[in-house]
Amino acid sequence: MLEQVDLDWSPAAADSDAGRFIRNAQRRIEQFQSENERIPGFEASNFHAAAGLLQAIQEQRLAPGLRFCEWGSGFGVVTCLAAMAGFDAWGIETEAKLVGSSRQLALDYDLDVIFQQGSYKPDLTFGSDLELPTESAESGRFPFDCDVVYIYPWPAEKAIVTQRFEQMAQPGALLVSYQGGGRFRIQRASTDSGSG
């Protein structure tokens, strides 16, 4: 069973370090999109809101630890923001071009972040399991061996992603789901569930 977590937070200010980083990242995303074919499923989160929320989770010590994983990390902005907030951040993304751009973004800002090519998406047609990497050679961790999982799921994926997190997450881990606009849903894995 997942427990709903309520949290007071506010978006990152435009003139903060995170705000300046976001401006630069958004320019890079616009350039990327003008130079490449549209990548299906690539939709950006509300970065200012995500930055503020992750900072609040960190400051209020809501997660059991600092291991952060973004499922479907896209251009890597939220994963980088997690690193800026003090998390040990890891992003999983299926599109090789986005993984490359994410790595360059982190490198340019001297952020110690790992981006791995892979997919969190289930095959909804056949009901198969989530296609997450079994283990990252770079990070030495498993996709569910995280204290905070961040995701911007498509509507059809919300239930199965939540169910899989509930089954496999470490006790006390947080699932942060971006719901659109400035809205997020934060859920905590039961302390007596998960793969431990």
C-alpha atoms as a PDB file:
ATOM      1  CA  MET A   1       0.000   0.000   0.000  1.00  0.00           C
ATOM      2  CA  LEU A   2       1.276   3.458  -0.888  1.00  0.00           C
ATOM      3  CA  GLU A   3       0.790   6.345   1.507  1.00  0.00           C
ATOM      4  CA  GLN A   4       0.010   9.824   0.186  1.00  0.00           C
ATOM      5  CA  VAL A   5       2.569  12.409   1.318  1.00  0.00           C
ATOM      6  CA  ASP A   6       1.608  16.064   1.707  1.00  0.00           C
ATOM      7  CA  LEU A   7       4.325  18.659   1.434  1.00  0.00           C
ATOM      8  CA  ASP A   8       4.518  22.449   1.540  1.00  0.00           C
ATOM      9  CA  TRP A   9       6.841  23.739  -1.162  1.00  0.00           C
ATOM     10  CA  SER A  10       7.179  26.488  -3.738  1.00  0.00           C
ATOM     11  CA  PRO A  11       8.746  26.580  -7.216  1.00  0.00           C
ATOM     12  CA  ALA A  12      12.379  27.565  -7.586  1.00  0.00           C
ATOM     13  CA  ALA A  13      12.876  31.284  -8.112  1.00  0.00           C
ATOM     14  CA  ALA A  14      13.878  32.430 -11.592  1.00  0.00           C
ATOM     15  CA  ASP A  15      16.967  34.187 -10.197  1.00  0.00           C
ATOM     16  CA  SER A  16      18.190  31.180  -8.184  1.00  0.00           C
ATOM     17  CA  ASP A  17      20.968  28.831  -9.341  1.00  0.00           C
ATOM     18  CA  ALA A  18      18.273  26.334 -10.319  1.00  0.00           C
ATOM     19  CA  GLY A  19      16.346  29.035 -12.190  1.00  0.00           C
ATOM     20  CA  ARG A  20      19.403  30.052 -14.213  1.00  0.00           C
ATOM     21  CA  PHE A  21      20.189  26.402 -14.948  1.00  0.00           C
ATOM     22  CA  ILE A  22      16.595  25.876 -16.123  1.00  0.00           C
ATOM     23  CA  ARG A  23      16.757  28.857 -18.493  1.00  0.00           C
ATOM     24  CA  ASN A  24      19.887  27.477 -20.105  1.00  0.00           C
ATOM     25  CA  ALA A  25      18.436  23.958 -20.281  1.00  0.00           C
ATOM     26  CA  GLN A  26      15.242  25.245 -21.912  1.00  0.00           C
ATOM     27  CA  ARG A  27      17.289  27.022 -24.589  1.00  0.00           C
ATOM     28  CA  ARG A  28      19.127  23.770 -25.244  1.00  0.00           C
ATOM     29  CA  ILE A  29      15.859  21.857 -25.485  1.00  0.00           C
ATOM     30  CA  GLU A  30      14.485  24.370 -28.005  1.00  0.00           C
ATOM     31  CA  GLN A  31      17.657  24.069 -30.086  1.00  0.00           C
ATOM     32  CA  PHE A  32      17.541  20.260 -29.844  1.00  0.00           C
ATOM     33  CA  GLN A  33      13.921  20.223 -31.017  1.00  0.00           C
ATOM     34  CA  SER A  34      14.661  22.548 -33.942  1.00  0.00           C
ATOM     35  CA  GLU A  35      17.557  20.357 -35.111  1.00  0.00           C
ATOM     36  CA  ASN A  36      15.984  16.911 -34.640  1.00  0.00           C
ATOM     37  CA  GLU A  37      12.836  15.077 -35.596  1.00  0.00           C
ATOM     38  CA  ARG A  38      10.198  15.126 -32.894  1.00  0.00           C
ATOM     39  CA  ILE A  39      10.766  12.325 -30.385  1.00  0.00           C
ATOM     40  CA  PRO A  40       7.472  10.641 -29.477  1.00  0.00           C
ATOM     41  CA  GLY A  41       6.723  10.860 -25.778  1.00  0.00           C
ATOM     42  CA  PHE A  42       9.266  13.600 -25.067  1.00  0.00           C
ATOM     43  CA  GLU A  43       7.373  16.125 -22.951  1.00  0.00           C
ATOM     44  CA  ALA A  44       9.068  18.382 -20.438  1.00  0.00           C
ATOM     45  CA  SER A  45       8.039  18.630 -16.800  1.00  0.00           C
ATOM     46  CA  ASN A  46       7.517  21.958 -15.069  1.00  0.00           C
ATOM     47  CA  PHE A  47      11.173  22.423 -14.158  1.00  0.00           C
ATOM     48  CA  HIS A  48      10.775  25.318 -11.702  1.00  0.00           C
ATOM     49  CA  ALA A  49       8.127  23.370  -9.816  1.00  0.00           C
ATOM     50  CA  ALA A  50      10.194  20.169  -9.869  1.00  0.00           C
ATOM     51  CA  ALA A  51      13.263  22.016  -8.559  1.00  0.00           C
ATOM     52  CA  GLY A  52      11.306  23.507  -5.664  1.00  0.00           C
ATOM     53  CA  LEU A  53       9.673  20.203  -4.805  1.00  0.00           C
ATOM     54  CA  LEU A  54      12.944  18.246  -4.839  1.00  0.00           C
ATOM     55  CA  GLN A  55      14.617  20.894  -2.692  1.00  0.00           C
ATOM     56  CA  ALA A  56      11.755  20.656  -0.170  1.00  0.00           C
ATOM     57  CA  ILE A  57      11.965  16.835  -0.086  1.00  0.00           C
ATOM     58  CA  GLN A  58      15.681  17.124   0.596  1.00  0.00           C
ATOM     59  CA  GLU A  59      15.449  19.896   3.205  1.00  0.00           C
ATOM     60  CA  GLN A  60      12.622  18.166   5.081  1.00  0.00           C
ATOM     61  CA  ARG A  61      14.368  14.759   4.889  1.00  0.00           C
ATOM     62  CA  LEU A  62      11.236  13.044   3.589  1.00  0.00           C
ATOM     63  CA  ALA A  63      13.119  10.304   1.745  1.00  0.00           C
ATOM     64  CA  PRO A  64      15.027   7.558   3.569  1.00  0.00           C
ATOM     65  CA  GLY A  65      18.220   8.484   1.709  1.00  0.00           C
ATOM     66  CA  LEU A  66      19.671  10.415  -1.218  1.00  0.00           C
ATOM     67  CA  ARG A  67      19.431   7.916  -4.109  1.00  0.00           C
ATOM     68  CA  PHE A  68      17.303   9.480  -6.867  1.00  0.00           C
ATOM     69  CA  CYS A  69      16.178   7.888 -10.140  1.00  0.00           C
ATOM     70  CA  GLU A  70      14.143   9.498 -12.896  1.00  0.00           C
ATOM     71  CA  TRP A  71      12.267   7.036 -15.106  1.00  0.00           C
ATOM     72  CA  GLY A  72      12.126   8.601 -18.550  1.00  0.00           C
ATOM     73  CA  SER A  73      14.665  11.343 -17.905  1.00  0.00           C
ATOM     74  CA  GLY A  74      14.307  13.033 -21.302  1.00  0.00           C
ATOM     75  CA  PHE A  75      16.808  15.874 -21.623  1.00  0.00           C
ATOM     76  CA  GLY A  76      18.021  15.221 -18.077  1.00  0.00           C
ATOM     77  CA  VAL A  77      16.901  18.499 -16.535  1.00  0.00           C
ATOM     78  CA  VAL A  78      15.022  17.083 -13.518  1.00  0.00           C
ATOM     79  CA  THR A  79      17.790  14.564 -12.812  1.00  0.00           C
ATOM     80  CA  CYS A  80      20.334  17.394 -12.884  1.00  0.00           C
ATOM     81  CA  LEU A  81      18.103  19.480 -10.599  1.00  0.00           C
ATOM     82  CA  ALA A  82      18.000  16.540  -8.188  1.00  0.00           C
ATOM     83  CA  ALA A  83      21.808  16.513  -8.145  1.00  0.00           C
ATOM     84  CA  MET A  84      21.803  20.271  -7.512  1.00  0.00           C
ATOM     85  CA  ALA A  85      19.470  19.649  -4.554  1.00  0.00           C
ATOM     86  CA  GLY A  86      21.952  17.165  -3.076  1.00  0.00           C
ATOM     87  CA  PHE A  87      20.675  13.840  -4.379  1.00  0.00           C
ATOM     88  CA  ASP A  88      22.800  11.045  -5.824  1.00  0.00           C
ATOM     89  CA  ALA A  89      21.019  11.275  -9.168  1.00  0.00           C
ATOM     90  CA  TRP A  90      20.504   8.726 -11.944  1.00  0.00           C
ATOM     91  CA  GLY A  91      18.317   9.051 -15.056  1.00  0.00           C
ATOM     92  CA  ILE A  92      17.002   6.294 -17.333  1.00  0.00           C
ATOM     93  CA  GLU A  93      15.976   7.294 -20.869  1.00  0.00           C
ATOM     94  CA  THR A  94      15.171   5.223 -23.949  1.00  0.00           C
ATOM     95  CA  GLU A  95      16.271   7.704 -26.639  1.00  0.00           C
ATOM     96  CA  ALA A  96      20.015   7.696 -27.323  1.00  0.00           C
ATOM     97  CA  LYS A  97      20.060  11.333 -28.540  1.00  0.00           C
ATOM     98  CA  LEU A  98      18.433  12.509 -25.335  1.00  0.00           C
ATOM     99  CA  VAL A  99      20.867  10.474 -23.233  1.00  0.00           C
ATOM    100  CA  GLY A 100      23.762  12.136 -25.064  1.00  0.00           C
ATOM    101  CA  SER A 101      22.294  15.611 -24.570  1.00  0.00           C
ATOM    102  CA  SER A 102      21.645  14.852 -20.887  1.00  0.00           C
ATOM    103  CA  ARG A 103      25.229  13.772 -20.343  1.00  0.00           C
ATOM    104  CA  GLN A 104      26.505  16.933 -22.021  1.00  0.00           C
ATOM    105  CA  LEU A 105      24.220  19.133 -19.902  1.00  0.00           C
ATOM    106  CA  ALA A 106      25.472  17.512 -16.691  1.00  0.00           C
ATOM    107  CA  LEU A 107      29.084  17.727 -17.857  1.00  0.00           C
ATOM    108  CA  ASP A 108      28.783  21.424 -18.727  1.00  0.00           C
ATOM    109  CA  TYR A 109      27.511  22.130 -15.207  1.00  0.00           C
ATOM    110  CA  ASP A 110      30.003  19.776 -13.538  1.00  0.00           C
ATOM    111  CA  LEU A 111      27.175  17.697 -12.055  1.00  0.00           C
ATOM    112  CA  ASP A 112      27.946  14.150 -10.937  1.00  0.00           C
ATOM    113  CA  VAL A 113      24.944  12.502 -12.601  1.00  0.00           C
ATOM    114  CA  ILE A 114      24.563   9.156 -14.376  1.00  0.00           C
ATOM    115  CA  PHE A 115      22.362   8.792 -17.460  1.00  0.00           C
ATOM    116  CA  GLN A 116      21.665   5.323 -18.805  1.00  0.00           C
ATOM    117  CA  GLN A 117      19.837   4.265 -21.930  1.00  0.00           C
ATOM    118  CA  GLY A 118      16.887   2.025 -21.076  1.00  0.00           C
ATOM    119  CA  SER A 119      13.124   2.140 -20.667  1.00  0.00           C
ATOM    120  CA  TYR A 120      10.703   2.171 -17.773  1.00  0.00           C
ATOM    121  CA  LYS A 121       7.674   1.713 -20.028  1.00  0.00           C
ATOM    122  CA  PRO A 122       5.580  -1.423 -19.838  1.00  0.00           C
ATOM    123  CA  ASP A 123       4.245  -3.037 -22.989  1.00  0.00           C
ATOM    124  CA  LEU A 124       0.606  -2.220 -22.312  1.00  0.00           C
ATOM    125  CA  THR A 125      -0.605  -4.379 -25.211  1.00  0.00           C
ATOM    126  CA  PHE A 126       0.891  -7.587 -23.899  1.00  0.00           C
ATOM    127  CA  GLY A 127       0.966  -6.701 -20.215  1.00  0.00           C
ATOM    128  CA  SER A 128       4.677  -7.419 -19.891  1.00  0.00           C
ATOM    129  CA  ASP A 129       6.849  -6.244 -17.070  1.00  0.00           C
ATOM    130  CA  LEU A 130       8.566  -2.887 -16.888  1.00  0.00           C
ATOM    131  CA  GLU A 131      11.608  -2.813 -19.143  1.00  0.00           C
ATOM    132  CA  LEU A 132      13.989  -1.247 -16.672  1.00  0.00           C
ATOM    133  CA  PRO A 133      17.667  -2.154 -16.801  1.00  0.00           C
ATOM    134  CA  THR A 134      18.372  -4.944 -14.328  1.00  0.00           C
ATOM    135  CA  GLU A 135      21.422  -3.102 -13.030  1.00  0.00           C
ATOM    136  CA  SER A 136      23.437  -0.130 -14.106  1.00  0.00           C
ATOM    137  CA  ALA A 137      27.086  -0.969 -14.702  1.00  0.00           C
ATOM    138  CA  GLU A 138      27.827   2.732 -14.211  1.00  0.00           C
ATOM    139  CA  SER A 139      25.990   3.210 -10.940  1.00  0.00           C
ATOM    140  CA  GLY A 140      26.015  -0.340  -9.530  1.00  0.00           C
ATOM    141  CA  ARG A 141      22.407   0.020  -8.442  1.00  0.00           C
ATOM    142  CA  PHE A 142      19.060  -1.390  -9.419  1.00  0.00           C
ATOM    143  CA  PRO A 143      16.130   0.729 -10.693  1.00  0.00           C
ATOM    144  CA  PHE A 144      14.147   0.110  -7.508  1.00  0.00           C
ATOM    145  CA  ASP A 145      17.137   0.578  -5.216  1.00  0.00           C
ATOM    146  CA  CYS A 146      16.294   4.273  -4.887  1.00  0.00           C
ATOM    147  CA  ASP A 147      14.959   6.569  -2.216  1.00  0.00           C
ATOM    148  CA  VAL A 148      13.123   8.860  -4.653  1.00  0.00           C
ATOM    149  CA  VAL A 149      11.720   7.845  -8.044  1.00  0.00           C
ATOM    150  CA  TYR A 150      10.511  10.679 -10.290  1.00  0.00           C
ATOM    151  CA  ILE A 151       8.280  10.066 -13.286  1.00  0.00           C
ATOM    152  CA  TYR A 152       6.049  11.932 -15.726  1.00  0.00           C
ATOM    153  CA  PRO A 153       3.830   9.029 -16.825  1.00  0.00           C
ATOM    154  CA  TRP A 154       1.355   8.994 -19.660  1.00  0.00           C
ATOM    155  CA  PRO A 155      -2.242   8.536 -18.406  1.00  0.00           C
ATOM    156  CA  ALA A 156      -2.387   4.903 -19.564  1.00  0.00           C
ATOM    157  CA  GLU A 157       0.805   4.123 -17.635  1.00  0.00           C
ATOM    158  CA  LYS A 158      -0.057   5.649 -14.263  1.00  0.00           C
ATOM    159  CA  ALA A 159      -1.738   2.606 -12.721  1.00  0.00           C
ATOM    160  CA  ILE A 160       0.868   0.042 -13.783  1.00  0.00           C
ATOM    161  CA  VAL A 161       3.801   2.279 -12.823  1.00  0.00           C
ATOM    162  CA  THR A 162       2.271   2.864  -9.393  1.00  0.00           C
ATOM    163  CA  GLN A 163       1.569  -0.856  -8.976  1.00  0.00           C
ATOM    164  CA  ARG A 164       5.113  -1.825  -9.972  1.00  0.00           C
ATOM    165  CA  PHE A 165       6.618   0.759  -7.626  1.00  0.00           C
ATOM    166  CA  GLU A 166       4.438  -0.532  -4.804  1.00  0.00           C
ATOM    167  CA  GLN A 167       5.626  -4.098  -5.438  1.00  0.00           C
ATOM    168  CA  MET A 168       9.331  -3.394  -5.829  1.00  0.00           C
ATOM    169  CA  ALA A 169      10.279  -0.168  -4.069  1.00  0.00           C
ATOM    170  CA  GLN A 170      12.488  -0.011  -1.023  1.00  0.00           C
ATOM    171  CA  PRO A 171      10.556   0.585   2.231  1.00  0.00           C
ATOM    172  CA  GLY A 172       9.943   4.288   2.752  1.00  0.00           C
ATOM    173  CA  ALA A 173      10.935   5.244  -0.810  1.00  0.00           C
ATOM    174  CA  LEU A 174       9.031   8.076  -2.491  1.00  0.00           C
ATOM    175  CA  LEU A 175       7.308   7.982  -5.872  1.00  0.00           C
ATOM    176  CA  VAL A 176       7.025  11.532  -7.217  1.00  0.00           C
ATOM    177  CA  SER A 177       4.670  11.679 -10.217  1.00  0.00           C
ATOM    178  CA  TYR A 178       4.359  14.861 -12.238  1.00  0.00           C
ATOM    179  CA  GLN A 179       0.671  15.407 -13.004  1.00  0.00           C
ATOM    180  CA  GLY A 180       0.940  18.410 -15.343  1.00  0.00           C
ATOM    181  CA  GLY A 181       0.903  22.151 -14.702  1.00  0.00           C
ATOM    182  CA  GLY A 182       2.458  22.611 -11.279  1.00  0.00           C
ATOM    183  CA  ARG A 183       0.859  19.511  -9.768  1.00  0.00           C
ATOM    184  CA  PHE A 184       2.660  16.496  -8.317  1.00  0.00           C
ATOM    185  CA  ARG A 185       1.616  13.381  -6.478  1.00  0.00           C
ATOM    186  CA  ILE A 186       3.978  12.084  -3.790  1.00  0.00           C
ATOM    187  CA  GLN A 187       3.510   8.558  -2.466  1.00  0.00           C
ATOM    188  CA  ARG A 188       5.569   6.607   0.042  1.00  0.00           C
ATOM    189  CA  ALA A 189       6.186   2.849  -0.111  1.00  0.00           C
ATOM    190  CA  SER A 190       5.042   1.016   2.977  1.00  0.00           C
ATOM    191  CA  THR A 191       7.757   0.238   5.474  1.00  0.00           C
ATOM    192  CA  ASP A 192       6.768  -3.436   5.346  1.00  0.00           C
ATOM    193  CA  SER A 193       6.642  -3.765   1.520  1.00  0.00           C
ATOM    194  CA  GLY A 194       9.129  -3.784  -1.296  1.00  0.00           C
ATOM    195  CA  SER A 195      11.957  -6.033  -2.265  1.00  0.00           C
ATOM    196  CA  GLY A 196      14.112  -4.735   0.593  1.00  0.00           C
END
